[in-house]
Amino acid sequence: MTLPAGVLLRMAEHPDAPRFNRVVQELLGEADLAALDRYRGELASRRGRRSTSPSPEILQTVAGWLPRVPLLACTVPAGMDFERGWDELPTTTRTDVATRVWELVPTDVDLAPMIVYRTAGTTGHPLLVPHHPRAVASYQILLEQALARHGVAFAPGGEDVACLLLGAQASTVTYATTLPAWHHAGFAKLNLRPTEWPRPDSPRRYLGDMAPHLLTGDPISFAELLRLDVRARPLAAVSTAVAMSSGLRQRLSLALGCPVIDWYSLTETGPIAYLCATGEGYHLLPHDLHVEVLDGPGRPAAPGERGEITVTGGRNPYLPLLRYRTGDWGRLAFDPCPCGDPMPRILDLEGRRPVLFRAADGTLVNPVDVSRVLRRHPLVRHHFAQHADGGCELALRPLPGTPLDTDALVAELAALLGAVDLELRIDPTLGDRDPKLAAYASELLLEE
């Protein structure tokens, strides 16, 4: 298969192009593209459900997992009637993925195509999540569906820049490539950090000249985009990773002249839902993902009541999740929505809120940057907080039996944050009294 070189050269050799630090290899084959086309058709004809019970397809999928997934074979009673006993099935959690992900990988899958993602770690210690290239590419197909529901006709051609993914971090992977599922249109992952660009006004000119059809990023990177006053006029912007406030969404929509779609997705589960075009909650997006809400002990929440969002299914053959508790909260609504999307909605979604820190010189610091420091040390859990006066406190739960070099850790944080006041506390029981303890907190607000 011959890839068009024009769009890649345009992205990489523009005089204001950033300093890309990675070269990526395309892993999708013809069979994968055919499967993605089938998935596109299935999404277009998806139908809503009016029940909290899993579909027959989900039940069949779970039954097929049991003899192949070691963790489930040990925790799910043999001969269980899934349809009648669904509410009695065990749940899985972030801890399962963090401590024994290999027990979730089916024993009969081909491991050759596997790629491993590390979560950002903004809501807990980072996870290593195995993924299949086809499952990753399905994000693009799901994005098409969300865009269509917002009235956006998205059809990039081979010489177009389909999407730019924006970040605002001290360091991150950046690259340019093409996307076979979108006719080999261009895609680039960018870091808006000034040190990544040839000149201070390079991001503004580069994004304007690339004319991306779509911009994606988290609220922090979009806030930085507003500060740079870029000239890009995409068809839409999609906010990922953490929830975007309505104030920032309105400002961004006005500045870019396009819809701004809040997107609910986790690395472990893939896309779950998107913000309704009428603002009536978040519509469930994939038809092959069963979503339910559970109370604290793990029982189904009463109709209309809030609970923990819990998912089963998905498209990742390396991580079959059975009743995976996401740590996010909301309630399900099955009544018809004015927008016409037949899928149920998550209302009152209480998910990941944007948290930001500032260095001693006032520059923005993304929690991902702090996470990158902390994950180099043997920690079970942490809580990093910054107060309104700029002072910080860090509580750590070290990994038992493993030495923790606190001097080195403090020095690494000082290199990132500068001369901020930092109070360090070692707590071997951190999180036991408060399982919902956030990994990061800040009294500083994302400017709206």
Protein backbone atom coordinates (compact mmCIF):
# COMPACT_ATOMS: atom_id res chain seq x y z
CA MET A 1 0.00 0.00 0.00
CA THR A 2 1.45 3.36 -1.04
CA LEU A 3 1.01 6.18 1.42
CA PRO A 4 0.58 9.77 0.16
CA ALA A 5 3.70 11.72 1.03
CA GLY A 6 2.32 15.18 0.41
CA VAL A 7 0.45 15.72 3.66
CA LEU A 8 3.27 14.21 5.74
CA LEU A 9 5.83 16.48 4.14
CA ARG A 10 3.55 19.47 4.65
CA MET A 11 3.18 18.70 8.36
CA ALA A 12 6.85 17.84 8.98
CA GLU A 13 8.64 20.39 6.80
CA HIS A 14 6.56 23.51 7.39
CA PRO A 15 8.91 26.33 8.51
CA ASP A 16 6.99 26.60 11.79
CA ALA A 17 6.65 22.85 12.39
CA PRO A 18 7.35 21.70 15.96
CA ARG A 19 10.26 19.46 16.87
CA PHE A 20 8.60 16.06 16.48
CA ASN A 21 10.34 13.50 18.69
CA ARG A 22 8.89 10.20 17.43
CA VAL A 23 8.32 8.34 14.17
CA VAL A 24 5.29 6.03 14.23
CA GLN A 25 4.65 2.89 12.21
CA GLU A 26 1.28 2.10 10.66
CA LEU A 27 -0.03 -1.22 11.99
CA LEU A 28 -3.42 -1.57 10.29
CA GLY A 29 -3.86 -4.08 7.47
CA GLU A 30 -6.55 -4.58 4.86
CA ALA A 31 -8.50 -6.92 7.16
CA ASP A 32 -8.47 -4.27 9.88
CA LEU A 33 -9.78 -1.60 7.50
CA ALA A 34 -12.56 -3.92 6.34
CA ALA A 35 -13.52 -4.56 9.98
CA LEU A 36 -13.58 -0.82 10.67
CA ASP A 37 -15.88 -0.29 7.69
CA ARG A 38 -18.25 -2.91 9.09
CA TYR A 39 -18.13 -1.22 12.47
CA ARG A 40 -18.95 2.12 10.82
CA GLY A 41 -22.09 0.55 9.34
CA GLU A 42 -23.09 -1.02 12.66
CA LEU A 43 -22.77 2.32 14.44
CA ALA A 44 -24.89 4.08 11.85
CA SER A 45 -27.75 1.62 12.45
CA ARG A 46 -27.44 1.30 16.22
CA ARG A 47 -30.64 1.29 18.23
CA GLY A 48 -31.22 2.48 21.75
CA ARG A 49 -32.27 0.31 24.65
CA ARG A 50 -34.80 0.93 27.36
CA SER A 51 -33.51 -1.50 29.97
CA THR A 52 -30.58 -1.81 32.33
CA SER A 53 -30.21 -5.49 31.38
CA PRO A 54 -27.34 -6.42 29.06
CA SER A 55 -28.16 -7.33 25.46
CA PRO A 56 -27.99 -10.95 24.25
CA GLU A 57 -24.83 -10.01 22.33
CA ILE A 58 -23.12 -8.82 25.53
CA LEU A 59 -24.17 -11.98 27.38
CA GLN A 60 -22.77 -14.11 24.57
CA THR A 61 -19.52 -12.14 24.62
CA VAL A 62 -19.09 -12.61 28.38
CA ALA A 63 -19.83 -16.34 28.14
CA GLY A 64 -17.09 -16.63 25.52
CA TRP A 65 -14.59 -14.95 27.81
CA LEU A 66 -14.87 -17.28 30.79
CA PRO A 67 -12.76 -20.25 29.68
CA ARG A 68 -10.17 -17.93 28.11
CA VAL A 69 -9.62 -15.18 30.70
CA PRO A 70 -7.76 -16.41 33.82
CA LEU A 71 -9.09 -13.76 36.21
CA LEU A 72 -12.71 -14.35 35.23
CA ALA A 73 -12.30 -18.12 35.31
CA CYS A 74 -11.28 -17.75 38.98
CA THR A 75 -13.91 -15.23 40.07
CA VAL A 76 -17.08 -16.13 38.13
CA PRO A 77 -18.93 -19.21 39.46
CA ALA A 78 -19.03 -22.09 36.99
CA GLY A 79 -22.38 -22.66 35.31
CA MET A 80 -23.74 -19.26 36.29
CA ASP A 81 -26.83 -18.04 34.42
CA PHE A 82 -25.64 -14.62 33.26
CA GLU A 83 -29.06 -13.36 32.25
CA ARG A 84 -30.69 -14.13 35.60
CA GLY A 85 -27.64 -13.63 37.78
CA TRP A 86 -26.05 -10.61 36.11
CA ASP A 87 -26.30 -8.47 39.22
CA GLU A 88 -24.38 -11.14 41.18
CA LEU A 89 -21.40 -11.18 38.82
CA PRO A 90 -18.16 -9.82 40.34
CA THR A 91 -16.94 -6.42 39.30
CA THR A 92 -13.44 -5.50 38.16
CA THR A 93 -11.58 -2.37 39.15
CA ARG A 94 -8.59 -0.20 38.38
CA THR A 95 -6.65 -2.22 40.95
CA ASP A 96 -7.14 -5.38 38.88
CA VAL A 97 -5.70 -3.65 35.82
CA ALA A 98 -2.86 -2.15 37.86
CA THR A 99 -1.77 -5.30 39.69
CA ARG A 100 -2.65 -8.27 37.44
CA VAL A 101 -3.49 -7.10 33.96
CA TRP A 102 -1.89 -10.27 32.54
CA GLU A 103 -4.74 -12.27 34.12
CA LEU A 104 -7.22 -10.29 32.01
CA VAL A 105 -5.53 -11.07 28.69
CA PRO A 106 -7.23 -14.09 27.03
CA THR A 107 -4.97 -17.11 26.76
CA ASP A 108 -5.65 -17.71 23.05
CA VAL A 109 -5.09 -14.25 21.52
CA ASP A 110 -2.27 -13.42 19.14
CA LEU A 111 0.02 -11.08 21.07
CA ALA A 112 2.04 -9.93 18.05
CA PRO A 113 -0.07 -6.83 17.22
CA MET A 114 -0.21 -5.68 20.85
CA ILE A 115 0.66 -2.09 21.71
CA VAL A 116 0.79 -0.88 25.29
CA TYR A 117 -0.51 2.49 26.46
CA ARG A 118 0.40 4.11 29.73
CA THR A 119 -2.45 6.15 31.22
CA ALA A 120 -1.71 9.77 32.05
CA GLY A 121 -2.04 9.13 35.77
CA THR A 122 -4.04 12.28 36.45
CA THR A 123 -6.58 10.36 38.58
CA GLY A 124 -4.34 7.74 40.11
CA HIS A 125 -1.04 5.95 39.61
CA PRO A 126 -0.51 5.30 35.86
CA LEU A 127 -1.69 2.02 34.35
CA LEU A 128 -0.18 -0.05 31.56
CA VAL A 129 -3.05 -0.97 29.24
CA PRO A 130 -2.62 -3.48 26.38
CA HIS A 131 -4.40 -2.46 23.17
CA HIS A 132 -4.99 -3.71 19.65
CA PRO A 133 -4.38 -1.34 16.72
CA ARG A 134 -7.88 -2.01 15.39
CA ALA A 135 -9.41 -1.09 18.76
CA VAL A 136 -7.43 2.16 18.79
CA ALA A 137 -8.52 3.00 15.23
CA SER A 138 -12.17 2.45 16.20
CA TYR A 139 -11.90 5.75 18.11
CA GLN A 140 -11.93 7.44 14.71
CA ILE A 141 -15.12 5.67 13.68
CA LEU A 142 -16.79 6.59 16.96
CA LEU A 143 -15.69 10.20 16.52
CA GLU A 144 -17.46 10.24 13.14
CA GLN A 145 -20.71 9.23 14.83
CA ALA A 146 -20.43 11.93 17.51
CA LEU A 147 -19.60 14.57 14.89
CA ALA A 148 -22.55 13.54 12.74
CA ARG A 149 -24.85 13.91 15.75
CA HIS A 150 -23.63 17.50 16.05
CA GLY A 151 -24.36 18.16 12.39
CA VAL A 152 -20.71 18.05 11.31
CA ALA A 153 -20.04 16.53 7.89
CA PHE A 154 -16.59 15.04 8.42
CA ALA A 155 -14.98 13.57 5.29
CA PRO A 156 -11.25 14.39 5.11
CA GLY A 157 -9.38 13.49 1.97
CA GLY A 158 -5.89 12.07 1.58
CA GLU A 159 -4.16 15.44 1.32
CA ASP A 160 -6.07 17.03 4.22
CA VAL A 161 -4.96 17.29 7.82
CA ALA A 162 -7.80 15.40 9.46
CA CYS A 163 -6.94 16.01 13.10
CA LEU A 164 -4.43 17.68 15.39
CA LEU A 165 -4.21 16.34 18.95
CA LEU A 166 -3.09 19.12 21.29
CA GLY A 167 -1.18 18.81 24.54
CA ALA A 168 0.30 21.32 26.96
CA GLN A 169 2.95 19.48 28.98
CA ALA A 170 6.55 19.83 30.01
CA SER A 171 7.32 16.89 27.73
CA THR A 172 5.31 14.37 25.78
CA VAL A 173 5.48 12.21 22.66
CA THR A 174 4.91 14.19 19.44
CA TYR A 175 4.73 12.93 15.87
CA ALA A 176 3.07 13.28 12.48
CA THR A 177 1.48 10.41 10.55
CA THR A 178 -1.45 9.48 8.32
CA LEU A 179 -4.65 7.62 9.24
CA PRO A 180 -5.75 4.79 6.89
CA ALA A 181 -9.31 4.79 8.26
CA TRP A 182 -9.61 8.40 7.09
CA HIS A 183 -8.21 7.88 3.58
CA HIS A 184 -4.66 8.44 4.85
CA ALA A 185 -5.42 12.02 5.85
CA GLY A 186 -2.88 13.69 8.09
CA PHE A 187 -2.73 13.50 11.88
CA ALA A 188 -0.26 15.03 14.31
CA LYS A 189 0.19 15.00 18.05
CA LEU A 190 1.49 18.39 19.18
CA ASN A 191 2.76 19.94 22.39
CA LEU A 192 1.92 23.63 22.75
CA ARG A 193 4.81 24.14 25.19
CA PRO A 194 6.88 27.10 23.82
CA THR A 195 10.15 25.16 23.95
CA GLU A 196 8.83 22.71 21.34
CA TRP A 197 8.55 25.31 18.56
CA PRO A 198 11.03 27.31 16.44
CA ARG A 199 9.58 30.72 17.39
CA PRO A 200 7.04 32.08 19.90
CA ASP A 201 4.38 32.63 17.22
CA SER A 202 5.04 29.32 15.41
CA PRO A 203 2.04 27.44 16.93
CA ARG A 204 -0.31 30.17 15.73
CA ARG A 205 0.96 30.06 12.15
CA TYR A 206 1.36 26.28 12.00
CA LEU A 207 -2.15 25.48 13.16
CA GLY A 208 -3.58 28.10 10.83
CA ASP A 209 -1.70 26.79 7.78
CA MET A 210 -2.46 23.13 8.53
CA ALA A 211 -6.22 23.92 8.50
CA PRO A 212 -7.16 20.79 10.49
CA HIS A 213 -10.69 19.48 10.09
CA LEU A 214 -10.72 18.51 13.77
CA LEU A 215 -8.92 19.56 16.95
CA THR A 216 -8.78 17.32 19.99
CA GLY A 217 -7.22 17.86 23.41
CA ASP A 218 -7.95 18.31 27.10
CA PRO A 219 -9.27 21.51 28.73
CA ILE A 220 -5.77 22.60 29.75
CA SER A 221 -4.41 22.38 26.21
CA PHE A 222 -7.48 24.16 24.84
CA ALA A 223 -7.04 26.95 27.40
CA GLU A 224 -3.45 27.32 26.15
CA LEU A 225 -4.76 27.38 22.58
CA LEU A 226 -7.01 30.33 23.47
CA ARG A 227 -4.03 32.17 24.93
CA LEU A 228 -2.10 31.69 21.68
CA ASP A 229 -4.99 33.12 19.62
CA VAL A 230 -4.54 30.62 16.76
CA ARG A 231 -6.09 31.12 13.34
CA ALA A 232 -7.36 27.55 12.86
CA ARG A 233 -11.04 27.19 11.97
CA PRO A 234 -11.83 23.47 12.36
CA LEU A 235 -15.18 21.85 11.76
CA ALA A 236 -15.27 20.82 15.43
CA ALA A 237 -13.19 20.54 18.59
CA VAL A 238 -13.40 17.51 20.87
CA SER A 239 -12.39 17.70 24.53
CA THR A 240 -11.07 14.45 25.98
CA ALA A 241 -9.53 13.02 29.16
CA VAL A 242 -11.30 15.27 31.68
CA ALA A 243 -14.58 17.18 31.74
CA MET A 244 -14.64 20.67 30.24
CA SER A 245 -16.52 23.45 32.02
CA SER A 246 -19.39 25.11 30.18
CA GLY A 247 -17.63 28.48 30.42
CA LEU A 248 -14.48 27.26 28.71
CA ARG A 249 -16.54 25.37 26.12
CA GLN A 250 -18.46 28.52 25.19
CA ARG A 251 -15.28 30.60 24.91
CA LEU A 252 -13.61 27.97 22.76
CA SER A 253 -16.62 27.57 20.49
CA LEU A 254 -16.76 31.33 19.94
CA ALA A 255 -13.03 31.58 19.25
CA LEU A 256 -12.92 28.66 16.81
CA GLY A 257 -16.35 29.19 15.26
CA CYS A 258 -17.36 25.55 15.61
CA PRO A 259 -19.08 23.08 17.95
CA VAL A 260 -17.07 21.91 20.97
CA ILE A 261 -17.95 18.35 21.94
CA ASP A 262 -17.15 16.98 25.38
CA TRP A 263 -16.07 13.34 25.04
CA TYR A 264 -16.19 10.74 27.82
CA SER A 265 -13.53 8.07 27.33
CA LEU A 266 -11.01 6.07 29.36
CA THR A 267 -7.85 4.36 28.17
CA GLU A 268 -9.08 1.13 29.75
CA THR A 269 -12.55 1.17 28.17
CA GLY A 270 -12.26 3.29 25.06
CA PRO A 271 -14.96 5.87 24.19
CA ILE A 272 -18.10 5.65 26.31
CA ALA A 273 -20.25 8.71 25.56
CA TYR A 274 -20.35 12.19 24.02
CA LEU A 275 -22.11 15.39 25.09
CA CYS A 276 -25.56 15.67 23.49
CA ALA A 277 -25.96 18.46 20.92
CA THR A 278 -28.80 19.88 23.02
CA GLY A 279 -26.83 19.62 26.26
CA GLU A 280 -29.11 16.86 27.58
CA GLY A 281 -26.42 14.72 29.16
CA TYR A 282 -23.94 12.34 27.50
CA HIS A 283 -25.26 9.84 24.95
CA LEU A 284 -23.76 6.37 25.10
CA LEU A 285 -21.76 5.97 21.92
CA PRO A 286 -20.71 2.36 21.21
CA HIS A 287 -23.48 -0.22 20.89
CA ASP A 288 -21.09 -3.01 21.94
CA LEU A 289 -20.43 -1.57 25.40
CA HIS A 290 -22.91 -2.27 28.19
CA VAL A 291 -23.14 0.55 30.74
CA GLU A 292 -24.78 0.30 34.16
CA VAL A 293 -24.57 2.29 37.40
CA LEU A 294 -23.83 0.65 40.74
CA ASP A 295 -24.07 1.83 44.32
CA GLY A 296 -21.14 1.79 46.73
CA PRO A 297 -21.35 -1.93 47.63
CA GLY A 298 -21.73 -2.86 43.96
CA ARG A 299 -25.49 -3.37 43.64
CA PRO A 300 -27.47 -1.78 40.78
CA ALA A 301 -28.57 1.74 41.64
CA ALA A 302 -32.34 2.32 41.68
CA PRO A 303 -33.82 3.79 38.46
CA GLY A 304 -32.93 7.48 38.25
CA GLU A 305 -30.41 7.30 41.10
CA ARG A 306 -26.73 8.13 40.78
CA GLY A 307 -24.16 5.41 40.91
CA GLU A 308 -20.70 4.44 39.74
CA ILE A 309 -20.49 4.07 35.97
CA THR A 310 -19.61 0.47 35.21
CA VAL A 311 -18.93 -1.00 31.77
CA THR A 312 -18.76 -4.42 30.08
CA GLY A 313 -17.60 -5.31 26.59
CA GLY A 314 -15.82 -3.11 24.08
CA ARG A 315 -13.51 -3.79 21.16
CA ASN A 316 -10.14 -4.43 22.82
CA PRO A 317 -9.33 -8.17 22.55
CA TYR A 318 -6.49 -7.81 25.05
CA LEU A 319 -8.60 -6.33 27.85
CA PRO A 320 -12.06 -7.91 28.17
CA LEU A 321 -13.66 -5.91 30.97
CA LEU A 322 -16.48 -7.44 32.98
CA ARG A 323 -18.43 -4.87 35.01
CA TYR A 324 -15.44 -2.54 35.19
CA ARG A 325 -15.97 0.20 37.78
CA THR A 326 -14.68 3.40 36.22
CA GLY A 327 -14.55 5.59 39.34
CA ASP A 328 -16.90 8.10 37.67
CA TRP A 329 -20.47 8.71 38.79
CA GLY A 330 -23.77 9.56 37.12
CA ARG A 331 -27.26 8.26 36.42
CA LEU A 332 -28.77 6.65 33.34
CA ALA A 333 -31.78 8.06 31.48
CA PHE A 334 -33.65 5.97 28.91
CA ASP A 335 -36.37 8.45 27.90
CA PRO A 336 -36.32 9.86 24.33
CA CYS A 337 -33.94 12.78 23.83
CA PRO A 338 -34.92 15.91 21.86
CA CYS A 339 -31.79 15.52 19.70
CA GLY A 340 -33.05 12.26 18.21
CA ASP A 341 -30.16 10.00 19.26
CA PRO A 342 -31.83 6.76 20.40
CA MET A 343 -29.05 5.77 22.79
CA PRO A 344 -29.48 6.21 26.56
CA ARG A 345 -27.80 9.14 28.30
CA ILE A 346 -25.60 9.60 31.32
CA LEU A 347 -26.95 12.52 33.35
CA ASP A 348 -25.16 14.40 36.13
CA LEU A 349 -21.84 12.92 35.03
CA GLU A 350 -19.30 13.42 37.79
CA GLY A 351 -16.07 12.48 36.11
CA ARG A 352 -12.56 13.74 35.92
CA ARG A 353 -12.29 17.49 36.47
CA PRO A 354 -9.36 19.46 35.06
CA VAL A 355 -6.68 20.10 37.66
CA LEU A 356 -3.74 22.40 37.01
CA PHE A 357 -0.69 23.52 38.90
CA ARG A 358 1.61 26.49 38.50
CA ALA A 359 5.36 26.61 38.89
CA ALA A 360 7.08 29.23 41.04
CA ASP A 361 7.44 31.50 37.97
CA GLY A 362 3.70 31.28 37.22
CA THR A 363 3.91 28.95 34.22
CA LEU A 364 1.26 26.26 33.89
CA VAL A 365 2.14 22.70 34.92
CA ASN A 366 -0.03 19.83 33.75
CA PRO A 367 -0.72 17.03 36.28
CA VAL A 368 0.62 14.66 33.62
CA ASP A 369 4.05 16.26 34.16
CA VAL A 370 3.86 15.63 37.90
CA SER A 371 2.70 12.08 37.22
CA ARG A 372 5.72 11.53 34.98
CA VAL A 373 7.99 12.34 37.94
CA LEU A 374 6.10 10.26 40.47
CA ARG A 375 5.82 7.14 38.36
CA ARG A 376 9.61 6.78 38.36
CA HIS A 377 9.41 5.97 42.07
CA PRO A 378 8.01 2.87 43.85
CA LEU A 379 4.63 4.20 45.01
CA VAL A 380 1.33 2.50 45.67
CA ARG A 381 -0.64 5.73 45.91
CA HIS A 382 -0.14 9.49 46.15
CA HIS A 383 -1.99 12.74 46.78
CA PHE A 384 -0.47 15.94 45.40
CA ALA A 385 -2.19 19.26 46.18
CA GLN A 386 -1.41 22.91 45.52
CA HIS A 387 -2.87 25.72 47.62
CA ALA A 388 -3.96 29.14 46.45
CA ASP A 389 -0.68 30.67 47.68
CA GLY A 390 1.31 28.28 45.46
CA GLY A 391 2.50 26.01 48.25
CA CYS A 392 2.24 22.26 47.67
CA GLU A 393 1.85 19.15 49.78
CA LEU A 394 2.58 15.59 48.74
CA ALA A 395 1.40 12.50 50.60
CA LEU A 396 2.98 9.20 49.55
CA ARG A 397 2.24 5.55 50.16
CA PRO A 398 5.48 3.76 49.26
CA LEU A 399 5.62 0.26 47.87
CA PRO A 400 6.32 -2.00 50.88
CA GLY A 401 9.82 -3.43 51.04
CA THR A 402 11.21 -1.12 48.35
CA PRO A 403 13.47 1.84 49.24
CA LEU A 404 12.09 5.25 48.35
CA ASP A 405 14.62 8.00 47.59
CA THR A 406 12.68 11.04 48.80
CA ASP A 407 15.61 13.40 48.21
CA ALA A 408 15.72 12.47 44.53
CA LEU A 409 11.94 12.76 44.24
CA VAL A 410 11.92 16.24 45.80
CA ALA A 411 14.77 17.32 43.51
CA GLU A 412 12.88 16.14 40.42
CA LEU A 413 9.75 18.02 41.49
CA ALA A 414 11.83 21.14 42.15
CA ALA A 415 13.21 20.92 38.60
CA LEU A 416 9.61 20.91 37.34
CA LEU A 417 7.97 23.39 39.72
CA GLY A 418 10.82 25.64 40.77
CA ALA A 419 11.21 26.94 44.32
CA VAL A 420 7.68 26.26 45.54
CA ASP A 421 7.12 25.35 49.18
CA LEU A 422 6.65 21.58 49.31
CA GLU A 423 5.52 19.61 52.35
CA LEU A 424 6.24 15.88 52.03
CA ARG A 425 4.45 13.27 54.13
CA ILE A 426 4.85 9.48 54.12
CA ASP A 427 1.62 7.62 54.91
CA PRO A 428 1.71 3.80 54.65
CA THR A 429 -2.11 3.69 54.90
CA LEU A 430 -2.88 6.46 52.38
CA GLY A 431 -6.24 5.78 50.77
CA ASP A 432 -7.43 3.16 53.27
CA ARG A 433 -9.67 5.62 55.10
CA ASP A 434 -10.74 7.42 51.93
CA PRO A 435 -10.80 5.09 48.88
CA LYS A 436 -11.98 7.99 46.69
CA LEU A 437 -8.96 10.15 47.59
CA ALA A 438 -7.98 12.07 44.45
CA ALA A 439 -4.45 11.75 43.16
CA TYR A 440 -4.34 15.49 42.44
CA ALA A 441 -6.06 18.57 43.79
CA SER A 442 -5.54 22.29 43.31
CA GLU A 443 -7.07 25.48 44.62
CA LEU A 444 -5.98 27.19 41.39
CA LEU A 445 -8.68 27.39 38.73
CA LEU A 446 -8.51 27.04 34.99
CA GLU A 447 -9.21 30.57 33.84
CA GLU A 448 -12.54 30.95 32.14
